[in-house]
Amino acid sequence: MSIKRIDVGARMSGAVVHGNTVYLAGQVGEGATVTEQCKDALAEVDRLLAAAGSDKSKILQTLIYLSDISDFAEMNAAWEAWVDPANTPARATSEAKLAAPKYKVEFIVTAAI
């Protein structure tokens, strides 16, 4: 079975397609607030899924990391405004130290094609 890599970089690819599944690298966004970062990161999720031949209605699982779990409600509001309500994925959210202090939220997505 072939493997297709999207947005290949020296350290990682933005997405990897294997069979009928696409795996996205962790997506973070720019902005001062959790809401701004969510919107930016989720727009990148949309872009990568489209490049792989998928979309948010086909997301199987999302792992969400917050640098501060007290931002859970704000993240949920942004998520609920974005996610396909008829096709919500399995999801987990945890608090974690992210790659840089400016990042407040990171999304890791696996989707069907």
N, C-alpha and C. Protein backbone atom coordinates (compact mmCIF):
# COMPACT_ATOMS: atom_id res chain seq x y z
N MET A 1 0.85 -1.17 0.00
CA MET A 1 0.00 0.00 0.00
C MET A 1 0.90 1.24 0.00
N SER A 2 0.55 2.21 -0.80
CA SER A 2 1.39 3.40 -0.93
C SER A 2 1.20 4.36 0.24
N ILE A 3 2.20 5.21 0.39
CA ILE A 3 2.16 6.27 1.40
C ILE A 3 2.36 7.59 0.66
N LYS A 4 1.48 8.56 0.92
CA LYS A 4 1.59 9.89 0.32
C LYS A 4 1.85 10.89 1.45
N ARG A 5 2.84 11.73 1.25
CA ARG A 5 3.17 12.75 2.25
C ARG A 5 2.83 14.13 1.69
N ILE A 6 2.23 14.96 2.53
CA ILE A 6 1.79 16.30 2.14
C ILE A 6 2.55 17.32 2.97
N ASP A 7 3.02 18.39 2.32
CA ASP A 7 3.79 19.44 2.99
C ASP A 7 5.00 18.84 3.72
N VAL A 8 5.82 18.16 2.95
CA VAL A 8 6.99 17.47 3.50
C VAL A 8 8.04 18.49 3.93
N GLY A 9 8.55 18.33 5.13
CA GLY A 9 9.62 19.18 5.64
C GLY A 9 10.78 18.33 6.12
N ALA A 10 11.82 18.97 6.56
CA ALA A 10 13.01 18.26 7.03
C ALA A 10 12.72 17.46 8.30
N ARG A 11 11.79 17.94 9.13
CA ARG A 11 11.50 17.29 10.40
C ARG A 11 10.24 16.43 10.37
N MET A 12 9.25 16.87 9.59
CA MET A 12 7.97 16.15 9.56
C MET A 12 7.16 16.58 8.35
N SER A 13 6.12 15.83 8.09
CA SER A 13 5.15 16.18 7.05
C SER A 13 3.91 16.75 7.71
N GLY A 14 3.23 17.62 7.01
CA GLY A 14 1.99 18.18 7.55
C GLY A 14 0.90 17.14 7.66
N ALA A 15 0.92 16.18 6.73
CA ALA A 15 -0.05 15.09 6.73
C ALA A 15 0.55 13.90 6.01
N VAL A 16 0.10 12.71 6.39
CA VAL A 16 0.53 11.48 5.75
C VAL A 16 -0.72 10.65 5.46
N VAL A 17 -0.84 10.22 4.20
CA VAL A 17 -1.95 9.38 3.79
C VAL A 17 -1.45 7.96 3.60
N HIS A 18 -2.13 7.02 4.25
CA HIS A 18 -1.83 5.60 4.09
C HIS A 18 -3.16 4.89 3.92
N GLY A 19 -3.33 4.23 2.78
CA GLY A 19 -4.62 3.61 2.52
C GLY A 19 -5.70 4.67 2.44
N ASN A 20 -6.75 4.48 3.18
CA ASN A 20 -7.87 5.43 3.19
C ASN A 20 -7.91 6.27 4.46
N THR A 21 -6.73 6.46 5.06
CA THR A 21 -6.64 7.24 6.30
C THR A 21 -5.59 8.34 6.15
N VAL A 22 -5.90 9.51 6.67
CA VAL A 22 -4.94 10.61 6.68
C VAL A 22 -4.65 10.98 8.13
N TYR A 23 -3.36 11.13 8.42
CA TYR A 23 -2.87 11.48 9.75
C TYR A 23 -2.25 12.87 9.67
N LEU A 24 -2.76 13.81 10.44
CA LEU A 24 -2.21 15.16 10.44
C LEU A 24 -1.22 15.34 11.57
N ALA A 25 -0.17 16.09 11.29
CA ALA A 25 0.75 16.51 12.34
C ALA A 25 -0.01 17.45 13.27
N GLY A 26 0.50 17.66 14.45
CA GLY A 26 -0.14 18.59 15.38
C GLY A 26 -0.24 19.98 14.77
N GLN A 27 -1.41 20.57 14.86
CA GLN A 27 -1.66 21.89 14.28
C GLN A 27 -1.86 22.92 15.37
N VAL A 28 -1.07 23.96 15.31
CA VAL A 28 -1.19 25.09 16.23
C VAL A 28 -1.51 26.32 15.40
N GLY A 29 -2.00 27.35 16.05
CA GLY A 29 -2.37 28.57 15.34
C GLY A 29 -1.72 29.79 15.93
N GLU A 30 -1.87 30.87 15.20
CA GLU A 30 -1.38 32.16 15.66
C GLU A 30 -2.51 32.93 16.30
N GLY A 31 -2.17 33.88 17.16
CA GLY A 31 -3.15 34.72 17.81
C GLY A 31 -2.87 34.83 19.29
N ALA A 32 -3.51 35.81 19.91
CA ALA A 32 -3.28 36.07 21.32
C ALA A 32 -4.17 35.24 22.23
N THR A 33 -5.33 34.80 21.70
CA THR A 33 -6.28 34.08 22.54
C THR A 33 -6.42 32.63 22.09
N VAL A 34 -6.99 31.82 22.93
CA VAL A 34 -7.27 30.43 22.58
C VAL A 34 -8.22 30.38 21.38
N THR A 35 -9.23 31.23 21.38
CA THR A 35 -10.18 31.27 20.27
C THR A 35 -9.48 31.57 18.95
N GLU A 36 -8.63 32.59 18.93
CA GLU A 36 -7.90 32.93 17.70
C GLU A 36 -7.01 31.79 17.25
N GLN A 37 -6.30 31.18 18.20
CA GLN A 37 -5.41 30.08 17.85
C GLN A 37 -6.20 28.86 17.35
N CYS A 38 -7.35 28.59 17.97
CA CYS A 38 -8.20 27.48 17.50
C CYS A 38 -8.65 27.72 16.07
N LYS A 39 -9.18 28.90 15.79
CA LYS A 39 -9.68 29.21 14.45
C LYS A 39 -8.56 29.06 13.42
N ASP A 40 -7.38 29.55 13.73
CA ASP A 40 -6.25 29.48 12.81
C ASP A 40 -5.80 28.03 12.60
N ALA A 41 -5.67 27.29 13.68
CA ALA A 41 -5.24 25.89 13.59
C ALA A 41 -6.28 25.05 12.86
N LEU A 42 -7.54 25.26 13.13
CA LEU A 42 -8.59 24.47 12.49
C LEU A 42 -8.73 24.82 11.01
N ALA A 43 -8.41 26.03 10.62
CA ALA A 43 -8.37 26.38 9.20
C ALA A 43 -7.26 25.58 8.51
N GLU A 44 -6.15 25.39 9.19
CA GLU A 44 -5.06 24.58 8.64
C GLU A 44 -5.46 23.11 8.58
N VAL A 45 -6.22 22.64 9.55
CA VAL A 45 -6.75 21.27 9.50
C VAL A 45 -7.62 21.13 8.25
N ASP A 46 -8.50 22.10 8.00
CA ASP A 46 -9.34 22.07 6.80
C ASP A 46 -8.48 21.99 5.54
N ARG A 47 -7.43 22.80 5.47
CA ARG A 47 -6.57 22.84 4.29
C ARG A 47 -5.87 21.51 4.06
N LEU A 48 -5.30 20.96 5.12
CA LEU A 48 -4.59 19.68 4.99
C LEU A 48 -5.54 18.53 4.64
N LEU A 49 -6.72 18.51 5.25
CA LEU A 49 -7.68 17.47 4.92
C LEU A 49 -8.08 17.57 3.44
N ALA A 50 -8.31 18.77 2.96
CA ALA A 50 -8.67 18.95 1.55
C ALA A 50 -7.54 18.48 0.64
N ALA A 51 -6.30 18.78 1.01
CA ALA A 51 -5.15 18.34 0.21
C ALA A 51 -5.05 16.82 0.15
N ALA A 52 -5.57 16.16 1.19
CA ALA A 52 -5.55 14.70 1.24
C ALA A 52 -6.79 14.07 0.62
N GLY A 53 -7.75 14.89 0.22
CA GLY A 53 -8.99 14.37 -0.35
C GLY A 53 -10.03 14.05 0.69
N SER A 54 -9.99 14.74 1.82
CA SER A 54 -10.93 14.50 2.91
C SER A 54 -11.52 15.82 3.38
N ASP A 55 -12.29 15.78 4.45
CA ASP A 55 -12.83 16.99 5.06
C ASP A 55 -13.23 16.68 6.50
N LYS A 56 -13.65 17.70 7.22
CA LYS A 56 -13.92 17.53 8.65
C LYS A 56 -15.07 16.58 8.95
N SER A 57 -15.93 16.30 7.99
CA SER A 57 -17.01 15.34 8.22
C SER A 57 -16.48 13.91 8.31
N LYS A 58 -15.24 13.71 7.92
CA LYS A 58 -14.65 12.37 7.92
C LYS A 58 -13.61 12.18 9.02
N ILE A 59 -13.53 13.12 9.95
CA ILE A 59 -12.57 12.99 11.05
C ILE A 59 -12.99 11.83 11.94
N LEU A 60 -12.04 10.96 12.21
CA LEU A 60 -12.27 9.79 13.07
C LEU A 60 -11.95 10.11 14.53
N GLN A 61 -10.82 10.80 14.73
CA GLN A 61 -10.36 11.07 16.09
C GLN A 61 -9.58 12.38 16.11
N THR A 62 -9.74 13.12 17.19
CA THR A 62 -8.96 14.33 17.42
C THR A 62 -8.42 14.31 18.84
N LEU A 63 -7.13 14.56 18.96
CA LEU A 63 -6.48 14.73 20.26
C LEU A 63 -6.19 16.22 20.39
N ILE A 64 -6.59 16.80 21.50
CA ILE A 64 -6.42 18.23 21.72
C ILE A 64 -5.58 18.44 22.97
N TYR A 65 -4.55 19.26 22.81
CA TYR A 65 -3.69 19.60 23.95
C TYR A 65 -3.85 21.09 24.24
N LEU A 66 -4.10 21.40 25.49
CA LEU A 66 -4.18 22.79 25.96
C LEU A 66 -3.01 23.06 26.89
N SER A 67 -2.37 24.21 26.74
CA SER A 67 -1.28 24.55 27.65
C SER A 67 -1.82 24.85 29.05
N ASP A 68 -3.09 25.23 29.13
CA ASP A 68 -3.75 25.50 30.42
C ASP A 68 -5.18 24.96 30.33
N ILE A 69 -5.48 23.92 31.09
CA ILE A 69 -6.79 23.26 31.01
C ILE A 69 -7.93 24.21 31.41
N SER A 70 -7.61 25.31 32.06
CA SER A 70 -8.67 26.27 32.39
C SER A 70 -9.23 26.94 31.13
N ASP A 71 -8.57 26.76 29.99
CA ASP A 71 -9.07 27.28 28.72
C ASP A 71 -10.01 26.30 28.02
N PHE A 72 -10.39 25.24 28.70
CA PHE A 72 -11.21 24.18 28.11
C PHE A 72 -12.53 24.72 27.52
N ALA A 73 -13.23 25.55 28.25
CA ALA A 73 -14.53 26.07 27.77
C ALA A 73 -14.34 26.96 26.54
N GLU A 74 -13.32 27.78 26.54
CA GLU A 74 -13.07 28.65 25.39
C GLU A 74 -12.71 27.82 24.15
N MET A 75 -11.88 26.80 24.35
CA MET A 75 -11.53 25.91 23.24
C MET A 75 -12.77 25.19 22.73
N ASN A 76 -13.60 24.69 23.64
CA ASN A 76 -14.82 23.98 23.25
C ASN A 76 -15.74 24.86 22.42
N ALA A 77 -15.85 26.12 22.77
CA ALA A 77 -16.71 27.04 22.01
C ALA A 77 -16.20 27.17 20.57
N ALA A 78 -14.90 27.32 20.41
CA ALA A 78 -14.32 27.42 19.06
C ALA A 78 -14.47 26.10 18.31
N TRP A 79 -14.24 25.00 19.00
CA TRP A 79 -14.38 23.67 18.40
C TRP A 79 -15.82 23.44 17.92
N GLU A 80 -16.79 23.73 18.78
CA GLU A 80 -18.19 23.49 18.45
C GLU A 80 -18.67 24.37 17.31
N ALA A 81 -18.09 25.56 17.15
CA ALA A 81 -18.43 26.42 16.02
C ALA A 81 -17.85 25.88 14.71
N TRP A 82 -16.81 25.05 14.80
CA TRP A 82 -16.12 24.53 13.61
C TRP A 82 -16.53 23.10 13.24
N VAL A 83 -16.64 22.22 14.21
CA VAL A 83 -16.84 20.79 13.94
C VAL A 83 -18.17 20.55 13.22
N ASP A 84 -18.20 19.50 12.39
CA ASP A 84 -19.44 19.10 11.73
C ASP A 84 -20.34 18.44 12.78
N PRO A 85 -21.45 19.07 13.17
CA PRO A 85 -22.26 18.53 14.27
C PRO A 85 -22.91 17.18 13.97
N ALA A 86 -23.03 16.83 12.70
CA ALA A 86 -23.61 15.53 12.33
C ALA A 86 -22.55 14.42 12.32
N ASN A 87 -21.27 14.81 12.43
CA ASN A 87 -20.19 13.84 12.32
C ASN A 87 -19.08 14.13 13.33
N THR A 88 -19.44 14.24 14.58
CA THR A 88 -18.42 14.53 15.59
C THR A 88 -17.51 13.31 15.78
N PRO A 89 -16.21 13.55 15.89
CA PRO A 89 -15.26 12.44 16.03
C PRO A 89 -15.09 12.02 17.48
N ALA A 90 -14.42 10.91 17.66
CA ALA A 90 -13.93 10.56 18.99
C ALA A 90 -12.91 11.65 19.36
N ARG A 91 -12.86 12.03 20.63
CA ARG A 91 -12.00 13.16 21.00
C ARG A 91 -11.50 13.02 22.42
N ALA A 92 -10.28 13.48 22.64
CA ALA A 92 -9.73 13.57 23.98
C ALA A 92 -9.02 14.92 24.11
N THR A 93 -9.07 15.49 25.30
CA THR A 93 -8.40 16.76 25.57
C THR A 93 -7.58 16.61 26.83
N SER A 94 -6.33 17.09 26.75
CA SER A 94 -5.42 17.02 27.90
C SER A 94 -4.66 18.32 28.03
N GLU A 95 -4.15 18.55 29.22
CA GLU A 95 -3.24 19.68 29.43
C GLU A 95 -1.82 19.19 29.18
N ALA A 96 -1.04 19.99 28.45
CA ALA A 96 0.34 19.61 28.15
C ALA A 96 1.16 20.86 27.88
N LYS A 97 2.44 20.77 28.15
CA LYS A 97 3.37 21.82 27.78
C LYS A 97 3.58 21.70 26.27
N LEU A 98 3.30 22.77 25.52
CA LEU A 98 3.41 22.72 24.06
C LEU A 98 4.80 23.16 23.61
N ALA A 99 5.05 23.08 22.30
CA ALA A 99 6.39 23.28 21.74
C ALA A 99 7.00 24.65 22.04
N ALA A 100 6.16 25.67 22.16
CA ALA A 100 6.64 27.02 22.47
C ALA A 100 5.63 27.68 23.41
N PRO A 101 6.10 28.55 24.29
CA PRO A 101 5.20 29.18 25.26
C PRO A 101 4.04 29.96 24.64
N LYS A 102 4.21 30.45 23.41
CA LYS A 102 3.13 31.23 22.78
C LYS A 102 1.93 30.37 22.38
N TYR A 103 2.11 29.06 22.26
CA TYR A 103 1.02 28.19 21.83
C TYR A 103 0.13 27.82 23.01
N LYS A 104 -1.18 27.93 22.78
CA LYS A 104 -2.17 27.63 23.82
C LYS A 104 -2.93 26.35 23.54
N VAL A 105 -2.97 25.92 22.25
CA VAL A 105 -3.77 24.76 21.87
C VAL A 105 -3.12 24.08 20.66
N GLU A 106 -3.24 22.75 20.62
CA GLU A 106 -2.74 21.97 19.50
C GLU A 106 -3.75 20.87 19.19
N PHE A 107 -4.01 20.64 17.90
CA PHE A 107 -4.95 19.62 17.44
C PHE A 107 -4.20 18.57 16.64
N ILE A 108 -4.44 17.30 16.96
CA ILE A 108 -3.90 16.19 16.19
C ILE A 108 -5.09 15.41 15.66
N VAL A 109 -5.19 15.31 14.34
CA VAL A 109 -6.38 14.79 13.68
C VAL A 109 -6.04 13.54 12.85
N THR A 110 -6.92 12.55 12.92
CA THR A 110 -6.89 11.39 12.03
C THR A 110 -8.25 11.33 11.35
N ALA A 111 -8.23 11.16 10.02
CA ALA A 111 -9.48 11.16 9.28
C ALA A 111 -9.49 10.10 8.19
N ALA A 112 -10.69 9.72 7.78
CA ALA A 112 -10.88 8.83 6.65
C ALA A 112 -10.83 9.67 5.37
N ILE A 113 -10.56 9.00 4.28
CA ILE A 113 -10.57 9.69 2.97
C ILE A 113 -11.84 9.28 2.24
